[in-house]
Amino acid sequence: MNQLKPDLKILEFKGRVVFQKLQVPTFERLPKEYSENEACFIFVTKGEFQVRSQTEFFQVNKEISLLAKCLNYYYETNQSLGDIAENIEVVGVMLYPELIRDLFDFDISKSHHQVDFNLKQVQVSKLLEHFRDSIIILLENPELADEELIKNKLREFVILMTKTINAPSELDFLAAMFKPNFAKFEEVIQSNLYANLSLDELANLCHMSLSTFKRKFKEVYNESPSKYLNKKKINKSIELLKEGDSRISDIAYDLGFDSLTTFNRVFKQQTGKNPSGHRLS
């Protein structure tokens, strides 16, 4: 595979990046970390990937885009299933609360509207497709994009998204996008039991440092994270070994082990047998 360097084009409004086109090499997992109050919309123009948040995991591609609030999540590709595209290309729209008054003269604190998602799949309609293509033209020809034109494109996006997700008004759509719904600690853990996340990555989804995460985990589950998660994964693997004829390597991958060797070692530590021997018993 060619080692492609990230290729980034941006447009700014009032000193903030509001539109960008980014091309990156194929990856396994990339973090999107909360750094400021920012909501975003991601069009995929090349390739496909999955998105993992505290309790959600789904696919985005050319037909299905991502609407996201400001919180930690991950972009992932399924390497084992042959996601071998040379690169992935996205077009992003970023919104910031301090720019809203410049766009609509809104005070988003006046709206109490909320939505029950942090991340949302959005079907790319013809209108959104045309909007995306117009932004690409401006990103490729930044000399055309004066401040008034960028402002109007941002307003157009907000109006389009308000209608797309059936928000009561543009004000309500914008206000809701800056109110993340943080899941309970236990919900994050149970939603990611079989993900191949490191403890650092799992802590990041919980918006915690690793030391705080380990301390909280011990308080909730009365076990260390590694011991608890491995036990859950091995118990699930025993069920899968009994239920069907799935390959042991597939079971190991589906339960989040980084290799068959690691799975075999942890399985034997907990059961006294190797997986193939347990299947035959």
Foldseek 3Di string as FASTA:
>chain_A
DDQDDKDKFFDDAPPHTFKMKIKHFADAKDKDAQDDFKWKKKAWPDFKWWKAALQDIDIHHNFKIKTAARHMIMTGHDVVVPSHDGITMMMMGMDDQVCVCVQPVDDLVVDPAADPDRMDIFGCDPVNVVLVVVSVVCRVVVVVDDNVNVSVSVNVVLVVVCVRVVPPDSSNVVSHRRDDDQDDLVSSCVSCLQAQDDLCRSCRSNVHGSVVNQVVCCVVPVDGPVVVSLVVLLVVLLVVLQPDDDDLQVSCVRSNHPGSVVNQVSNCVVPVDGSVVSSVD
